[in-house]
N, C-alpha and C. Protein backbone atom coordinates (compact mmCIF):
# COMPACT_ATOMS: atom_id res chain seq x y z
N MET A 1 -0.61 -8.25 -21.35
CA MET A 1 -0.18 -8.31 -20.12
C MET A 1 -0.48 -6.80 -19.46
N SER A 2 -0.57 -7.05 -18.33
CA SER A 2 -0.74 -5.92 -17.56
C SER A 2 0.68 -5.36 -16.57
N THR A 3 0.82 -4.17 -16.51
CA THR A 3 2.10 -3.38 -16.30
C THR A 3 2.29 -4.39 -14.73
N LEU A 4 1.75 -5.15 -14.15
CA LEU A 4 2.14 -5.52 -12.93
C LEU A 4 3.28 -6.95 -13.60
N GLN A 5 2.22 -7.44 -14.62
CA GLN A 5 3.40 -9.02 -15.10
C GLN A 5 4.01 -8.18 -15.99
N ILE A 6 4.25 -7.20 -16.16
CA ILE A 6 5.46 -6.83 -16.94
C ILE A 6 6.37 -6.67 -16.12
N LEU A 7 6.09 -6.33 -15.31
CA LEU A 7 6.75 -5.91 -14.05
C LEU A 7 7.16 -6.95 -13.06
N HIS A 8 6.74 -7.81 -13.04
CA HIS A 8 7.10 -9.33 -12.25
C HIS A 8 8.33 -9.55 -13.47
N CYS A 9 7.98 -10.43 -14.64
CA CYS A 9 8.30 -10.71 -15.85
C CYS A 9 9.98 -10.24 -15.62
N LEU A 10 9.81 -8.51 -15.43
CA LEU A 10 11.67 -7.67 -15.95
C LEU A 10 12.33 -8.52 -14.47
N ALA A 11 11.50 -7.88 -13.14
CA ALA A 11 12.32 -8.83 -12.22
C ALA A 11 12.48 -9.98 -12.73
N ALA A 12 11.98 -10.83 -12.50
CA ALA A 12 12.54 -12.66 -12.60
C ALA A 12 13.18 -12.01 -13.69
N PHE A 13 13.58 -12.10 -14.61
CA PHE A 13 14.36 -11.82 -15.36
C PHE A 13 15.71 -11.52 -14.69
N ILE A 14 15.74 -10.62 -14.33
CA ILE A 14 17.06 -9.97 -13.39
C ILE A 14 17.10 -10.76 -11.88
N VAL A 15 16.04 -11.26 -11.62
CA VAL A 15 16.82 -12.41 -10.44
C VAL A 15 16.88 -13.79 -11.09
N LEU A 16 16.49 -14.24 -12.34
CA LEU A 16 16.95 -15.45 -12.30
C LEU A 16 18.43 -15.43 -13.61
N ALA A 17 18.89 -14.35 -13.87
CA ALA A 17 20.12 -14.15 -14.40
C ALA A 17 21.07 -14.07 -13.18
N GLU A 18 21.07 -13.32 -12.44
CA GLU A 18 21.54 -12.62 -11.38
C GLU A 18 21.64 -14.44 -10.62
N ALA A 19 21.12 -15.25 -9.74
CA ALA A 19 20.68 -16.86 -9.68
C ALA A 19 21.52 -17.89 -10.38
N LEU A 20 21.72 -17.16 -11.84
CA LEU A 20 22.38 -18.60 -12.71
C LEU A 20 23.80 -17.93 -12.74
N ASN A 21 24.36 -16.96 -12.19
CA ASN A 21 25.79 -16.29 -12.20
C ASN A 21 26.52 -16.33 -10.85
N LYS A 22 25.10 -16.47 -9.94
CA LYS A 22 26.31 -16.75 -8.74
C LYS A 22 25.60 -18.27 -8.73
N LEU A 23 25.30 -19.25 -8.89
CA LEU A 23 25.18 -20.22 -8.49
C LEU A 23 26.38 -21.03 -9.62
N GLU A 24 26.99 -20.45 -10.85
CA GLU A 24 28.13 -21.12 -11.76
C GLU A 24 29.44 -21.11 -10.45
N ARG A 25 29.12 -20.18 -9.57
CA ARG A 25 30.43 -19.64 -8.57
C ARG A 25 30.43 -20.62 -7.24
N CYS A 26 29.37 -21.13 -7.46
CA CYS A 26 29.35 -21.84 -5.93
C CYS A 26 30.21 -23.06 -6.31
N ALA A 27 30.45 -24.09 -5.40
CA ALA A 27 31.58 -24.91 -5.14
C ALA A 27 31.08 -25.20 -3.78
N PRO A 28 30.17 -26.15 -3.14
CA PRO A 28 30.42 -26.26 -1.93
C PRO A 28 30.95 -27.67 -1.67
N LEU A 29 31.34 -28.70 -2.72
CA LEU A 29 31.65 -29.85 -2.60
C LEU A 29 33.14 -29.27 -3.49
N ALA A 30 33.71 -27.85 -3.02
CA ALA A 30 35.66 -27.99 -4.07
C ALA A 30 36.30 -29.10 -2.68
N PRO A 31 37.47 -29.64 -2.93
CA PRO A 31 38.36 -29.84 -2.33
C PRO A 31 38.42 -28.86 -1.10
N GLY A 32 39.61 -29.33 0.54
CA GLY A 32 40.33 -28.43 0.94
C GLY A 32 38.86 -27.37 1.30
N MET A 33 37.94 -27.34 1.48
CA MET A 33 37.39 -26.17 2.13
C MET A 33 36.74 -27.05 3.86
N THR A 34 36.55 -25.94 4.40
CA THR A 34 36.23 -26.36 5.85
C THR A 34 35.18 -26.61 6.11
N THR A 35 34.89 -27.33 7.43
CA THR A 35 33.53 -27.90 7.13
C THR A 35 31.88 -26.74 7.08
N HIS A 36 32.96 -25.69 8.06
CA HIS A 36 31.97 -23.62 7.99
C HIS A 36 32.03 -23.33 6.61
N ALA A 37 33.15 -23.47 5.75
CA ALA A 37 33.15 -22.82 4.78
C ALA A 37 31.97 -23.96 3.35
N ARG A 38 32.15 -25.22 4.10
CA ARG A 38 31.39 -26.09 3.13
C ARG A 38 30.06 -25.84 3.38
N VAL A 39 29.58 -25.72 4.70
CA VAL A 39 28.44 -25.01 4.95
C VAL A 39 27.44 -24.08 4.49
N VAL A 40 27.88 -23.10 4.41
CA VAL A 40 27.60 -21.91 4.01
C VAL A 40 27.63 -21.96 2.53
N ASP A 41 28.44 -22.40 1.32
CA ASP A 41 28.68 -22.43 0.58
C ASP A 41 27.48 -23.62 0.06
N GLY A 42 27.23 -24.40 0.37
CA GLY A 42 25.78 -24.77 0.18
C GLY A 42 24.58 -24.46 0.83
N LEU A 43 24.93 -23.76 1.53
CA LEU A 43 23.50 -22.72 2.08
C LEU A 43 22.95 -21.49 0.92
N LYS A 44 23.99 -21.00 0.31
CA LYS A 44 24.46 -20.04 -0.60
C LYS A 44 23.62 -20.63 -2.09
N ALA A 45 24.01 -21.80 -2.21
CA ALA A 45 23.98 -22.35 -3.64
C ALA A 45 22.63 -22.74 -3.13
N THR A 46 21.78 -23.71 -2.72
CA THR A 46 20.71 -23.45 -2.19
C THR A 46 19.67 -22.61 -2.09
N ALA A 47 20.25 -21.41 -1.76
CA ALA A 47 19.10 -19.83 -1.46
C ALA A 47 19.45 -19.39 -3.15
N TRP A 48 20.11 -19.87 -3.68
CA TRP A 48 20.36 -19.05 -5.21
C TRP A 48 19.63 -19.94 -6.15
N ALA A 49 19.65 -21.17 -5.94
CA ALA A 49 18.64 -22.50 -6.52
C ALA A 49 17.19 -22.18 -6.56
N LEU A 50 17.00 -21.84 -5.15
CA LEU A 50 15.49 -21.32 -4.98
C LEU A 50 15.46 -20.68 -6.20
N LEU A 51 15.72 -19.17 -5.55
CA LEU A 51 15.87 -18.11 -6.54
C LEU A 51 15.44 -18.55 -8.34
N ALA A 52 16.32 -19.37 -8.03
CA ALA A 52 15.85 -19.72 -9.61
C ALA A 52 15.14 -20.38 -9.99
N LEU A 53 14.73 -20.83 -9.25
CA LEU A 53 13.64 -22.04 -9.35
C LEU A 53 12.25 -21.05 -9.64
N GLY A 54 11.99 -20.61 -8.09
CA GLY A 54 11.50 -19.45 -8.73
C GLY A 54 11.07 -18.59 -10.28
N ALA A 55 12.22 -17.62 -10.25
CA ALA A 55 12.42 -17.20 -11.29
C ALA A 55 12.02 -17.72 -12.43
N GLY A 56 12.42 -18.59 -12.90
CA GLY A 56 12.37 -19.28 -14.10
C GLY A 56 11.10 -19.63 -13.87
N GLY A 57 10.20 -20.08 -13.14
CA GLY A 57 8.71 -20.39 -13.02
C GLY A 57 7.85 -19.06 -13.28
N ALA A 58 8.33 -18.12 -12.74
CA ALA A 58 7.74 -16.36 -12.85
C ALA A 58 8.01 -16.50 -14.95
N LEU A 59 8.75 -16.78 -15.28
CA LEU A 59 8.74 -16.31 -16.76
C LEU A 59 8.66 -17.26 -17.36
N ALA A 60 8.09 -18.73 -16.86
CA ALA A 60 7.49 -20.20 -17.85
C ALA A 60 5.91 -19.31 -17.40
N THR A 61 5.56 -19.56 -16.21
CA THR A 61 3.86 -19.85 -16.37
C THR A 61 3.27 -18.77 -16.95
N PRO A 62 3.48 -17.61 -17.72
CA PRO A 62 2.82 -16.45 -18.80
C PRO A 62 2.70 -17.38 -19.94
N VAL A 63 4.63 -17.81 -20.51
CA VAL A 63 4.33 -18.38 -21.75
C VAL A 63 3.98 -19.62 -21.71
N LEU A 64 4.11 -20.16 -20.39
CA LEU A 64 2.92 -21.88 -20.45
C LEU A 64 0.96 -21.38 -21.26
N HIS A 65 0.73 -20.01 -20.31
CA HIS A 65 -0.60 -19.92 -20.17
C HIS A 65 -0.95 -19.31 -21.84
N SER A 66 -0.07 -18.77 -21.74
CA SER A 66 -0.80 -18.33 -23.41
C SER A 66 -0.65 -19.51 -24.90
N LEU A 67 0.66 -20.94 -24.36
CA LEU A 67 0.28 -21.41 -25.24
C LEU A 67 -0.83 -22.79 -24.77
N GLY A 68 -1.94 -22.31 -23.65
CA GLY A 68 -2.46 -22.55 -23.62
C GLY A 68 -2.31 -24.30 -23.37
N VAL A 69 -1.33 -24.55 -22.22
CA VAL A 69 -0.92 -25.32 -21.63
C VAL A 69 -1.66 -25.29 -20.23
N ASN A 70 -2.66 -27.03 -20.09
CA ASN A 70 -3.09 -26.73 -18.88
C ASN A 70 -2.59 -27.01 -17.33
N PRO A 71 -2.79 -26.06 -16.52
CA PRO A 71 -1.90 -26.11 -15.61
C PRO A 71 -2.27 -26.70 -14.39
N ALA A 72 -3.16 -27.46 -14.58
CA ALA A 72 -4.04 -28.31 -13.97
C ALA A 72 -3.59 -28.99 -12.90
N PRO A 73 -2.16 -29.63 -12.98
CA PRO A 73 -1.75 -30.83 -11.65
C PRO A 73 -1.58 -29.59 -10.84
N TRP A 74 -0.35 -28.61 -11.69
CA TRP A 74 -0.50 -26.98 -10.50
C TRP A 74 -0.85 -26.15 -10.45
N ASP A 75 -2.40 -26.30 -10.44
CA ASP A 75 -3.02 -24.56 -10.36
C ASP A 75 -2.67 -24.32 -9.06
N HIS A 76 -2.51 -24.77 -8.01
CA HIS A 76 -2.23 -24.24 -6.98
C HIS A 76 -1.14 -23.48 -6.63
N ILE A 77 0.05 -23.54 -7.43
CA ILE A 77 0.77 -22.83 -6.71
C ILE A 77 1.51 -21.72 -8.30
N SER A 78 0.42 -21.77 -9.29
CA SER A 78 0.70 -21.22 -10.48
C SER A 78 -0.21 -20.74 -10.81
N HIS A 79 -0.02 -19.24 -12.02
CA HIS A 79 -1.12 -18.17 -11.61
C HIS A 79 -0.66 -17.51 -13.37
N ALA A 80 -1.27 -17.14 -13.58
CA ALA A 80 -1.51 -17.16 -14.80
C ALA A 80 -1.23 -15.01 -14.63
N THR A 81 -1.71 -14.54 -14.03
CA THR A 81 -1.70 -13.11 -13.04
C THR A 81 -0.67 -13.71 -12.05
N PRO A 82 0.59 -12.71 -11.82
CA PRO A 82 0.90 -12.56 -10.35
C PRO A 82 -0.06 -11.77 -8.90
N SER A 83 0.14 -11.87 -8.42
CA SER A 83 -0.66 -11.03 -6.99
C SER A 83 0.37 -9.92 -6.87
N LEU A 84 0.47 -8.61 -6.53
CA LEU A 84 0.75 -7.51 -6.13
C LEU A 84 2.26 -8.04 -5.15
N ALA A 85 1.64 -8.92 -4.30
CA ALA A 85 3.28 -9.83 -3.34
C ALA A 85 3.71 -10.01 -4.06
N GLU A 86 3.65 -11.00 -4.83
CA GLU A 86 4.60 -11.67 -5.43
C GLU A 86 5.25 -10.32 -6.33
N THR A 87 4.71 -9.70 -7.70
CA THR A 87 5.78 -8.63 -7.61
C THR A 87 6.56 -7.67 -6.90
N ALA A 88 6.09 -7.22 -5.71
CA ALA A 88 6.45 -6.71 -5.35
C ALA A 88 7.91 -7.17 -4.26
N PHE A 89 7.52 -8.60 -3.94
CA PHE A 89 9.14 -9.14 -3.52
C PHE A 89 10.29 -9.65 -4.51
N THR A 90 9.44 -10.30 -5.84
CA THR A 90 10.14 -10.37 -6.83
C THR A 90 10.99 -8.81 -7.31
N LEU A 91 10.20 -7.52 -6.97
CA LEU A 91 10.91 -6.62 -7.96
C LEU A 91 12.26 -6.29 -6.18
N GLY A 92 11.85 -6.26 -5.38
CA GLY A 92 12.51 -6.47 -4.20
C GLY A 92 13.79 -7.03 -4.55
N PHE A 93 13.77 -7.95 -4.91
CA PHE A 93 15.15 -9.26 -5.21
C PHE A 93 15.96 -8.75 -6.15
N ALA A 94 15.59 -8.13 -6.95
CA ALA A 94 15.41 -7.35 -8.26
C ALA A 94 16.12 -5.77 -8.48
N VAL A 95 15.63 -4.97 -7.72
CA VAL A 95 15.90 -3.65 -7.26
C VAL A 95 17.82 -3.88 -6.27
N LEU A 96 17.24 -4.87 -5.34
CA LEU A 96 18.84 -5.22 -4.54
C LEU A 96 19.71 -5.59 -5.55
N ILE A 97 19.96 -6.49 -6.46
CA ILE A 97 20.66 -6.74 -7.39
C ILE A 97 21.06 -5.73 -8.28
N VAL A 98 20.38 -5.20 -8.97
CA VAL A 98 20.68 -3.76 -9.42
C VAL A 98 21.87 -3.14 -8.87
N ARG A 99 21.24 -3.02 -7.29
CA ARG A 99 22.00 -2.15 -6.63
C ARG A 99 23.31 -1.76 -6.02
N THR A 100 23.26 -4.01 -6.50
CA THR A 100 24.58 -4.18 -5.82
C THR A 100 25.70 -4.22 -7.18
N ARG A 101 25.17 -3.83 -8.21
CA ARG A 101 25.76 -4.17 -9.45
C ARG A 101 26.15 -2.50 -9.76
N VAL A 102 24.98 -1.88 -9.22
CA VAL A 102 25.46 -0.37 -9.48
C VAL A 102 26.76 0.40 -8.52
N LYS A 103 26.66 -0.58 -7.13
CA LYS A 103 27.78 0.12 -6.39
C LYS A 103 29.22 -0.74 -6.73
N GLU A 104 29.06 -1.81 -7.64
CA GLU A 104 30.26 -2.47 -7.87
C GLU A 104 30.74 -1.34 -8.98
N GLY A 105 29.91 -0.78 -9.55
CA GLY A 105 30.75 0.13 -10.59
C GLY A 105 31.05 -0.61 -12.06
């Protein structure tokens, strides 16, 4: 694995852990919420779910490739090696998450 792949996987792990943590606390269908609060919580849940899917895919892709799984049906969206842009994007989210956790103490 290259340094870029290791950074990408580490960042994806942090994003996935935080996304699952935040998703656990979202409850857009909870009783007694105003419409505005329901929409806001629904958007938050959607965003964290998409981040979890992306981070999970970033973690699963190298594992599947190393196991020899044929990625032909989804080859246009799955790469064994992440690009610098993908790594920077994922790493940016991870740094923001870690910053928030450090700030909280």
